[in-house]
Amino acid sequence: MKVLLKKDVHGCGKEGDIANVSDGYANNFLIPKGLAVPADERTINAANIKKQAQKHRIEVQRKNAKALAADMSKLSVKVYAKSGDNGRLFGAITGKEISAALKEQFDIDCDKKKIRIDEPIKQCGVYTVGAHMFEQTDATFKVEVLPLVQ
């Protein structure tokens, strides 16, 4: 019997797949538990449309991420922090501060977990920082750390 899986089932397949299973397994386990529905032309067509829509959505996200990464490579973000006389910071600049500065200065939403800093920023100066935007799409931009004037 052919069934359309509504959830991942170990040994059968992933959500949205069409699996060929025994009649007893389908009628006594998969369908009553809500893990699958019988596959007919209508459900197969609906599953194919859903897969195509998901592929299209991912492709649009990838295209937007590449465009944003290209725009971000031209940016120079200014981050202000408390520092001593010699330019050494009290603490360090993290992805959280850089993410907040990107949002404030350029209205770009970038999660702090996606910002990649090679080494901790503990001095005033200009640093190159990376950000993971999407699968196989990274952006690099400059971060200028300036002393906070009080």
C-alpha atoms as a PDB file:
ATOM      1  CA  MET A   1       0.000   0.000   0.000  1.00  0.00           C
ATOM      2  CA  LYS A   2       1.307   3.452  -0.851  1.00  0.00           C
ATOM      3  CA  VAL A   3       1.125   6.090   1.873  1.00  0.00           C
ATOM      4  CA  LEU A   4       2.133   9.733   2.117  1.00  0.00           C
ATOM      5  CA  LEU A   5       4.131  10.302   5.298  1.00  0.00           C
ATOM      6  CA  LYS A   6       2.981  13.238   7.403  1.00  0.00           C
ATOM      7  CA  LYS A   7       5.936  12.899   9.811  1.00  0.00           C
ATOM      8  CA  ASP A   8       9.357  11.275   9.743  1.00  0.00           C
ATOM      9  CA  VAL A   9       9.073   7.515  10.312  1.00  0.00           C
ATOM     10  CA  HIS A  10      12.202   5.525  11.067  1.00  0.00           C
ATOM     11  CA  GLY A  11      12.632   2.855   8.401  1.00  0.00           C
ATOM     12  CA  CYS A  12      10.041   4.312   6.024  1.00  0.00           C
ATOM     13  CA  GLY A  13      11.113   7.824   5.125  1.00  0.00           C
ATOM     14  CA  LYS A  14      10.854  11.493   5.870  1.00  0.00           C
ATOM     15  CA  GLU A  15       7.868  13.823   5.969  1.00  0.00           C
ATOM     16  CA  GLY A  16       6.340  14.337   2.524  1.00  0.00           C
ATOM     17  CA  ASP A  17       7.788  11.114   1.068  1.00  0.00           C
ATOM     18  CA  ILE A  18       5.633   8.472  -0.557  1.00  0.00           C
ATOM     19  CA  ALA A  19       6.404   5.061   0.935  1.00  0.00           C
ATOM     20  CA  ASN A  20       5.297   1.615  -0.123  1.00  0.00           C
ATOM     21  CA  VAL A  21       4.505  -0.326   3.070  1.00  0.00           C
ATOM     22  CA  SER A  22       2.492  -3.430   3.906  1.00  0.00           C
ATOM     23  CA  ASP A  23      -1.274  -3.035   4.254  1.00  0.00           C
ATOM     24  CA  GLY A  24      -1.289  -4.107   7.910  1.00  0.00           C
ATOM     25  CA  TYR A  25       1.475  -1.681   8.910  1.00  0.00           C
ATOM     26  CA  ALA A  26      -0.331   1.183   7.176  1.00  0.00           C
ATOM     27  CA  ASN A  27      -3.858   0.364   8.419  1.00  0.00           C
ATOM     28  CA  ASN A  28      -2.936  -0.665  11.981  1.00  0.00           C
ATOM     29  CA  PHE A  29      -0.084   1.702  12.830  1.00  0.00           C
ATOM     30  CA  LEU A  30       0.771   4.557  10.462  1.00  0.00           C
ATOM     31  CA  ILE A  31      -2.702   5.864   9.616  1.00  0.00           C
ATOM     32  CA  PRO A  32      -4.284   5.583  13.130  1.00  0.00           C
ATOM     33  CA  LYS A  33      -1.299   7.322  14.737  1.00  0.00           C
ATOM     34  CA  GLY A  34      -1.520  10.177  12.207  1.00  0.00           C
ATOM     35  CA  LEU A  35       1.905   9.423  10.750  1.00  0.00           C
ATOM     36  CA  ALA A  36       0.621   8.850   7.217  1.00  0.00           C
ATOM     37  CA  VAL A  37      -2.379   9.110   4.917  1.00  0.00           C
ATOM     38  CA  PRO A  38      -3.281   6.817   2.012  1.00  0.00           C
ATOM     39  CA  ALA A  39      -1.599   8.032  -1.158  1.00  0.00           C
ATOM     40  CA  ASP A  40      -4.003   8.778  -3.982  1.00  0.00           C
ATOM     41  CA  GLU A  41      -3.627  11.186  -6.904  1.00  0.00           C
ATOM     42  CA  ARG A  42      -4.862  14.178  -4.911  1.00  0.00           C
ATOM     43  CA  THR A  43      -2.495  13.694  -1.951  1.00  0.00           C
ATOM     44  CA  ILE A  44       0.473  12.922  -4.210  1.00  0.00           C
ATOM     45  CA  ASN A  45      -0.187  16.076  -6.229  1.00  0.00           C
ATOM     46  CA  ALA A  46      -0.526  18.151  -3.056  1.00  0.00           C
ATOM     47  CA  ALA A  47       2.773  16.743  -1.731  1.00  0.00           C
ATOM     48  CA  ASN A  48       4.560  17.573  -4.991  1.00  0.00           C
ATOM     49  CA  ILE A  49       3.218  21.137  -4.947  1.00  0.00           C
ATOM     50  CA  LYS A  50       4.320  21.534  -1.323  1.00  0.00           C
ATOM     51  CA  LYS A  51       7.852  20.291  -2.152  1.00  0.00           C
ATOM     52  CA  GLN A  52       8.120  22.680  -5.111  1.00  0.00           C
ATOM     53  CA  ALA A  53       6.971  25.595  -2.941  1.00  0.00           C
ATOM     54  CA  GLN A  54       9.578  24.708  -0.297  1.00  0.00           C
ATOM     55  CA  LYS A  55      12.337  24.545  -2.943  1.00  0.00           C
ATOM     56  CA  HIS A  56      11.255  27.920  -4.320  1.00  0.00           C
ATOM     57  CA  ARG A  57      11.202  29.469  -0.830  1.00  0.00           C
ATOM     58  CA  ILE A  58      14.730  28.213  -0.092  1.00  0.00           C
ATOM     59  CA  GLU A  59      15.974  29.508  -3.446  1.00  0.00           C
ATOM     60  CA  VAL A  60      14.506  32.964  -2.743  1.00  0.00           C
ATOM     61  CA  GLN A  61      16.125  32.977   0.715  1.00  0.00           C
ATOM     62  CA  ARG A  62      19.477  31.982  -0.825  1.00  0.00           C
ATOM     63  CA  LYS A  63      19.232  34.747  -3.436  1.00  0.00           C
ATOM     64  CA  ASN A  64      18.344  37.358  -0.785  1.00  0.00           C
ATOM     65  CA  ALA A  65      21.192  36.188   1.450  1.00  0.00           C
ATOM     66  CA  LYS A  66      23.717  36.476  -1.398  1.00  0.00           C
ATOM     67  CA  ALA A  67      22.533  40.001  -2.194  1.00  0.00           C
ATOM     68  CA  LEU A  68      22.729  40.982   1.480  1.00  0.00           C
ATOM     69  CA  ALA A  69      26.208  39.444   1.786  1.00  0.00           C
ATOM     70  CA  ALA A  70      27.397  41.457  -1.212  1.00  0.00           C
ATOM     71  CA  ASP A  71      25.999  44.650   0.329  1.00  0.00           C
ATOM     72  CA  MET A  72      27.500  43.886   3.736  1.00  0.00           C
ATOM     73  CA  SER A  73      31.002  43.441   2.315  1.00  0.00           C
ATOM     74  CA  LYS A  74      31.068  47.190   1.629  1.00  0.00           C
ATOM     75  CA  LEU A  75      30.053  48.171   5.170  1.00  0.00           C
ATOM     76  CA  SER A  76      32.134  49.532   8.003  1.00  0.00           C
ATOM     77  CA  VAL A  77      30.352  49.234  11.323  1.00  0.00           C
ATOM     78  CA  LYS A  78      31.315  51.539  14.186  1.00  0.00           C
ATOM     79  CA  VAL A  79      31.170  50.083  17.693  1.00  0.00           C
ATOM     80  CA  TYR A  80      31.830  52.254  20.730  1.00  0.00           C
ATOM     81  CA  ALA A  81      33.204  50.772  23.949  1.00  0.00           C
ATOM     82  CA  LYS A  82      34.778  51.897  27.197  1.00  0.00           C
ATOM     83  CA  SER A  83      38.557  51.796  27.024  1.00  0.00           C
ATOM     84  CA  GLY A  84      41.634  52.819  28.928  1.00  0.00           C
ATOM     85  CA  ASP A  85      44.261  55.366  27.905  1.00  0.00           C
ATOM     86  CA  ASN A  86      46.220  52.893  25.778  1.00  0.00           C
ATOM     87  CA  GLY A  87      43.161  51.800  23.745  1.00  0.00           C
ATOM     88  CA  ARG A  88      42.656  48.540  25.612  1.00  0.00           C
ATOM     89  CA  LEU A  89      38.960  47.794  26.159  1.00  0.00           C
ATOM     90  CA  PHE A  90      37.304  47.050  29.472  1.00  0.00           C
ATOM     91  CA  GLY A  91      35.922  43.678  28.393  1.00  0.00           C
ATOM     92  CA  ALA A  92      35.578  42.551  24.773  1.00  0.00           C
ATOM     93  CA  ILE A  93      33.432  43.222  21.736  1.00  0.00           C
ATOM     94  CA  THR A  94      31.196  40.227  21.009  1.00  0.00           C
ATOM     95  CA  GLY A  95      28.710  39.279  18.331  1.00  0.00           C
ATOM     96  CA  LYS A  96      25.947  40.830  20.420  1.00  0.00           C
ATOM     97  CA  GLU A  97      27.427  44.329  20.201  1.00  0.00           C
ATOM     98  CA  ILE A  98      28.210  43.957  16.500  1.00  0.00           C
ATOM     99  CA  SER A  99      24.689  42.695  15.780  1.00  0.00           C
ATOM    100  CA  ALA A 100      23.180  45.639  17.675  1.00  0.00           C
ATOM    101  CA  ALA A 101      25.409  48.088  15.777  1.00  0.00           C
ATOM    102  CA  LEU A 102      24.395  46.572  12.425  1.00  0.00           C
ATOM    103  CA  LYS A 103      20.726  46.955  13.356  1.00  0.00           C
ATOM    104  CA  GLU A 104      21.147  50.508  14.628  1.00  0.00           C
ATOM    105  CA  GLN A 105      23.376  51.887  11.863  1.00  0.00           C
ATOM    106  CA  PHE A 106      22.228  50.003   8.755  1.00  0.00           C
ATOM    107  CA  ASP A 107      18.913  48.353   9.776  1.00  0.00           C
ATOM    108  CA  ILE A 108      20.311  44.885   9.010  1.00  0.00           C
ATOM    109  CA  ASP A 109      19.059  41.999  11.143  1.00  0.00           C
ATOM    110  CA  CYS A 110      21.902  39.570  11.740  1.00  0.00           C
ATOM    111  CA  ASP A 111      21.689  37.098  14.603  1.00  0.00           C
ATOM    112  CA  LYS A 112      24.571  37.353  17.070  1.00  0.00           C
ATOM    113  CA  LYS A 113      25.209  33.610  16.706  1.00  0.00           C
ATOM    114  CA  LYS A 114      25.889  34.023  12.997  1.00  0.00           C
ATOM    115  CA  ILE A 115      28.654  36.586  13.485  1.00  0.00           C
ATOM    116  CA  ARG A 116      32.088  34.978  13.456  1.00  0.00           C
ATOM    117  CA  ILE A 117      34.995  36.685  15.176  1.00  0.00           C
ATOM    118  CA  ASP A 118      38.425  35.063  14.729  1.00  0.00           C
ATOM    119  CA  GLU A 119      39.886  36.346  17.988  1.00  0.00           C
ATOM    120  CA  PRO A 120      38.354  38.348  20.834  1.00  0.00           C
ATOM    121  CA  ILE A 121      38.297  42.087  20.107  1.00  0.00           C
ATOM    122  CA  LYS A 122      39.958  43.743  23.111  1.00  0.00           C
ATOM    123  CA  GLN A 123      41.679  46.738  21.481  1.00  0.00           C
ATOM    124  CA  CYS A 124      40.429  49.798  19.641  1.00  0.00           C
ATOM    125  CA  GLY A 125      41.018  49.555  15.902  1.00  0.00           C
ATOM    126  CA  VAL A 126      39.632  48.130  12.676  1.00  0.00           C
ATOM    127  CA  TYR A 127      38.869  44.411  12.414  1.00  0.00           C
ATOM    128  CA  THR A 128      37.521  42.131   9.698  1.00  0.00           C
ATOM    129  CA  VAL A 129      34.542  40.093  10.872  1.00  0.00           C
ATOM    130  CA  GLY A 130      32.536  37.395   9.084  1.00  0.00           C
ATOM    131  CA  ALA A 131      28.848  36.575   9.220  1.00  0.00           C
ATOM    132  CA  HIS A 132      27.191  33.360   8.060  1.00  0.00           C
ATOM    133  CA  MET A 133      24.115  34.446   6.108  1.00  0.00           C
ATOM    134  CA  PHE A 134      22.837  31.178   4.601  1.00  0.00           C
ATOM    135  CA  GLU A 135      24.116  27.811   3.413  1.00  0.00           C
ATOM    136  CA  GLN A 136      27.486  28.422   1.720  1.00  0.00           C
ATOM    137  CA  THR A 137      26.943  32.203   1.843  1.00  0.00           C
ATOM    138  CA  ASP A 138      29.184  34.253   4.114  1.00  0.00           C
ATOM    139  CA  ALA A 139      29.745  37.988   4.337  1.00  0.00           C
ATOM    140  CA  THR A 140      32.841  39.782   5.574  1.00  0.00           C
ATOM    141  CA  PHE A 141      32.782  43.377   6.731  1.00  0.00           C
ATOM    142  CA  LYS A 142      34.839  45.832   8.744  1.00  0.00           C
ATOM    143  CA  VAL A 143      34.206  46.606  12.385  1.00  0.00           C
ATOM    144  CA  GLU A 144      35.731  49.822  13.668  1.00  0.00           C
ATOM    145  CA  VAL A 145      36.079  49.808  17.459  1.00  0.00           C
ATOM    146  CA  LEU A 146      36.222  53.342  18.849  1.00  0.00           C
ATOM    147  CA  PRO A 147      36.679  54.551  22.442  1.00  0.00           C
ATOM    148  CA  LEU A 148      33.523  55.778  24.135  1.00  0.00           C
ATOM    149  CA  VAL A 149      33.832  59.483  24.899  1.00  0.00           C
ATOM    150  CA  GLN A 150      32.413  60.317  28.297  1.00  0.00           C
END
